[in-house]
N, C-alpha and C. Protein backbone atom coordinates (compact mmCIF):
# COMPACT_ATOMS: atom_id res chain seq x y z
N MET A 1 -16.15 2.53 1.20
CA MET A 1 -15.82 3.68 2.23
C MET A 1 -15.21 4.87 1.81
N ARG A 2 -15.67 5.94 2.34
CA ARG A 2 -15.28 7.38 2.00
C ARG A 2 -14.35 7.89 3.29
N ILE A 3 -13.04 7.30 3.29
CA ILE A 3 -12.70 8.22 4.36
C ILE A 3 -11.70 9.63 4.15
N GLU A 4 -12.17 10.95 5.42
CA GLU A 4 -11.45 11.71 4.75
C GLU A 4 -10.16 12.25 5.93
N GLY A 5 -8.87 12.31 5.58
CA GLY A 5 -7.60 12.13 6.16
C GLY A 5 -7.48 11.06 6.47
N SER A 6 -6.17 10.48 7.06
CA SER A 6 -5.75 9.42 7.56
C SER A 6 -6.56 8.34 8.16
N VAL A 7 -6.67 7.01 8.00
CA VAL A 7 -7.20 6.01 8.49
C VAL A 7 -6.98 6.39 10.03
N ARG A 8 -5.61 6.15 10.32
CA ARG A 8 -5.38 6.30 12.10
C ARG A 8 -6.05 7.34 12.24
N SER A 9 -5.95 8.61 11.84
CA SER A 9 -6.59 9.91 12.79
C SER A 9 -8.34 9.71 12.40
N ASN A 10 -8.72 8.94 11.58
CA ASN A 10 -10.25 8.27 11.51
C ASN A 10 -10.17 7.26 12.49
N LEU A 11 -9.51 6.16 12.81
CA LEU A 11 -9.84 5.21 13.92
C LEU A 11 -9.46 6.06 15.23
N ILE A 12 -8.28 7.17 15.64
CA ILE A 12 -8.68 7.53 17.21
C ILE A 12 -9.85 8.30 17.05
N ALA A 13 -10.43 8.68 16.11
CA ALA A 13 -11.61 9.81 16.49
C ALA A 13 -12.46 9.07 16.74
N ALA A 14 -12.85 7.97 15.98
CA ALA A 14 -14.02 6.96 16.37
C ALA A 14 -13.95 6.45 17.79
N VAL A 15 -12.55 5.91 18.14
CA VAL A 15 -12.42 5.08 19.56
C VAL A 15 -12.56 6.49 20.77
N ALA A 16 -12.44 7.90 20.38
CA ALA A 16 -12.57 8.99 21.57
C ALA A 16 -14.20 8.85 21.70
N SER A 17 -14.86 8.82 20.62
CA SER A 17 -16.27 9.20 20.69
C SER A 17 -17.36 8.36 20.93
N ALA A 18 -16.60 6.70 20.76
CA ALA A 18 -17.16 5.76 21.45
C ALA A 18 -16.82 5.43 22.74
N ARG A 19 -15.86 6.33 23.16
CA ARG A 19 -15.66 5.84 25.01
C ARG A 19 -16.81 7.25 25.40
N ARG A 20 -16.93 8.42 24.72
CA ARG A 20 -17.96 8.97 25.42
C ARG A 20 -19.20 8.80 25.53
N TRP A 21 -19.16 7.93 24.44
CA TRP A 21 -21.05 7.38 24.68
C TRP A 21 -21.19 6.44 25.11
N HIS A 22 -20.30 5.89 26.15
CA HIS A 22 -20.12 4.59 26.99
C HIS A 22 -21.28 4.65 27.72
N GLY A 23 -22.21 3.62 27.62
CA GLY A 23 -23.19 3.47 28.74
C GLY A 23 -24.21 4.07 28.56
N ARG A 24 -24.27 5.03 26.99
CA ARG A 24 -25.53 5.58 26.36
C ARG A 24 -26.09 4.92 24.94
N THR A 25 -27.05 5.30 24.67
CA THR A 25 -27.63 4.76 23.09
C THR A 25 -26.79 5.38 22.03
N VAL A 26 -26.62 4.66 20.95
CA VAL A 26 -25.69 5.37 20.08
C VAL A 26 -26.48 4.82 18.45
N HIS A 27 -26.53 5.73 18.15
CA HIS A 27 -27.23 5.44 16.43
C HIS A 27 -27.00 4.23 15.84
N LYS A 28 -28.17 3.41 14.92
CA LYS A 28 -27.34 2.29 14.64
C LYS A 28 -26.15 2.89 13.20
N ASP A 29 -26.68 4.14 12.38
CA ASP A 29 -25.70 4.18 11.51
C ASP A 29 -24.33 4.94 12.31
N THR A 30 -24.18 5.20 13.51
CA THR A 30 -22.54 5.45 13.52
C THR A 30 -22.14 4.26 14.20
N VAL A 31 -23.05 3.06 14.57
CA VAL A 31 -22.41 1.93 14.98
C VAL A 31 -21.91 1.37 13.46
N ASP A 32 -22.67 1.05 12.69
CA ASP A 32 -22.27 0.95 11.34
C ASP A 32 -21.00 2.00 10.45
N HIS A 33 -21.31 2.87 10.45
CA HIS A 33 -19.89 3.67 10.21
C HIS A 33 -18.74 3.07 11.41
N TRP A 34 -18.37 2.56 12.63
CA TRP A 34 -17.92 2.51 13.53
C TRP A 34 -17.01 0.87 12.64
N ARG A 35 -18.10 -0.06 12.54
CA ARG A 35 -18.46 -1.25 12.08
C ARG A 35 -17.18 -1.40 10.85
N LYS A 36 -17.78 -0.37 9.97
CA LYS A 36 -16.89 -0.16 8.56
C LYS A 36 -15.65 -0.01 8.97
N LEU A 37 -15.43 0.88 9.64
CA LEU A 37 -14.07 1.59 10.13
C LEU A 37 -13.21 0.63 10.44
N VAL A 38 -13.38 -0.35 11.37
CA VAL A 38 -12.85 -0.89 11.91
C VAL A 38 -12.39 -2.22 10.65
N ASP A 39 -13.18 -2.78 9.67
CA ASP A 39 -13.24 -3.31 8.81
C ASP A 39 -12.26 -2.89 7.73
N TYR A 40 -12.09 -1.74 7.13
CA TYR A 40 -11.30 -1.07 6.24
C TYR A 40 -9.90 -0.68 7.10
N GLY A 41 -9.88 -0.53 8.41
CA GLY A 41 -8.86 -0.66 9.39
C GLY A 41 -8.04 -2.00 9.16
N ARG A 42 -8.48 -3.41 9.51
CA ARG A 42 -8.12 -4.22 9.41
C ARG A 42 -7.31 -4.65 7.68
N LEU A 43 -7.97 -4.04 6.73
CA LEU A 43 -7.64 -4.37 5.57
C LEU A 43 -6.26 -3.27 5.25
N VAL A 44 -5.96 -1.83 5.87
CA VAL A 44 -4.59 -1.19 5.60
C VAL A 44 -3.76 -1.69 6.52
N ASP A 45 -3.82 -2.44 7.58
CA ASP A 45 -3.04 -2.72 8.47
C ASP A 45 -2.43 -3.89 8.26
N ARG A 46 -3.43 -4.85 6.99
CA ARG A 46 -2.41 -5.93 6.48
C ARG A 46 -1.32 -5.79 4.87
N GLN A 47 -2.02 -4.53 4.85
CA GLN A 47 -0.73 -4.04 3.84
C GLN A 47 0.33 -4.14 3.93
N PRO A 48 1.21 -4.16 3.01
CA PRO A 48 2.90 -4.24 3.54
C PRO A 48 2.98 -2.83 3.45
N TYR A 49 2.40 -1.79 3.06
CA TYR A 49 3.17 -0.27 3.22
C TYR A 49 1.96 0.14 3.93
N GLY A 50 0.95 -0.16 4.03
CA GLY A 50 -0.09 0.49 4.99
C GLY A 50 0.46 1.60 5.91
N GLU A 51 -0.59 2.09 6.70
CA GLU A 51 -0.39 2.47 8.12
C GLU A 51 -0.56 1.37 9.38
N ALA A 52 0.27 1.31 9.95
CA ALA A 52 0.00 0.71 11.13
C ALA A 52 -0.93 1.01 12.46
N VAL A 53 -2.28 0.50 12.17
CA VAL A 53 -3.33 0.87 12.95
C VAL A 53 -3.96 -0.52 13.70
N GLY A 54 -3.30 -1.69 13.89
CA GLY A 54 -3.91 -2.78 14.38
C GLY A 54 -4.07 -2.03 15.78
N ASP A 55 -3.27 -1.53 16.27
CA ASP A 55 -3.95 -1.01 18.10
C ASP A 55 -5.02 -0.30 18.13
N LEU A 56 -5.20 0.05 17.23
CA LEU A 56 -6.66 1.42 16.87
C LEU A 56 -7.90 0.51 16.60
N VAL A 57 -7.27 -0.59 15.79
CA VAL A 57 -8.72 -1.30 15.20
C VAL A 57 -9.49 -2.23 16.40
N ASN A 58 -8.34 -2.91 17.15
CA ASN A 58 -9.13 -3.62 18.57
C ASN A 58 -9.65 -2.62 19.23
N ASP A 59 -8.77 -1.43 19.65
CA ASP A 59 -9.54 -0.62 20.79
C ASP A 59 -11.01 -0.04 19.87
N LEU A 60 -10.49 -0.01 19.06
CA LEU A 60 -12.32 -0.09 18.21
C LEU A 60 -13.19 -0.62 18.49
N GLU A 61 -12.86 -1.85 18.17
CA GLU A 61 -13.65 -2.96 18.39
C GLU A 61 -14.26 -3.55 19.50
N ILE A 62 -12.99 -3.07 20.87
CA ILE A 62 -13.84 -3.29 21.82
C ILE A 62 -14.93 -2.23 22.26
N GLU A 63 -14.75 -1.08 21.52
CA GLU A 63 -15.40 -0.15 22.35
C GLU A 63 -16.94 -0.12 21.95
N VAL A 64 -16.99 -0.98 20.34
CA VAL A 64 -18.28 -1.03 19.18
C VAL A 64 -19.11 -1.97 19.93
N ALA A 65 -18.23 -3.03 20.74
CA ALA A 65 -18.50 -4.29 21.52
C ALA A 65 -19.45 -3.40 22.62
N ARG A 66 -19.20 -2.35 23.33
CA ARG A 66 -20.02 -2.17 24.49
C ARG A 66 -21.05 -1.39 24.23
N VAL A 67 -21.25 -0.48 23.23
CA VAL A 67 -22.13 0.09 23.39
C VAL A 67 -23.31 -0.40 23.11
N ARG A 68 -24.78 0.69 23.58
CA ARG A 68 -25.69 -0.07 23.09
C ARG A 68 -26.49 0.66 21.97
N ILE A 69 -27.03 0.01 20.72
CA ILE A 69 -27.43 0.40 19.42
C ILE A 69 -28.98 0.73 19.78
N GLY A 70 -29.26 1.90 19.21
CA GLY A 70 -30.96 2.39 19.58
C GLY A 70 -31.29 3.17 18.46
């Protein structure tokens, strides 16, 4: 997965985007990207010197569970 910028900034943007789309249908590719970002965020969070992103990973996971895939 290619990330532009920090993992933290990507997670913040994804959480904000998912919240904006709450209650509406979201394209499958977008949801797939968010899920990959969750997985990558978990990986980074486990690294000894990685960014502390666990809180944002959890937030995005919750938001992804709420969206309707279209």
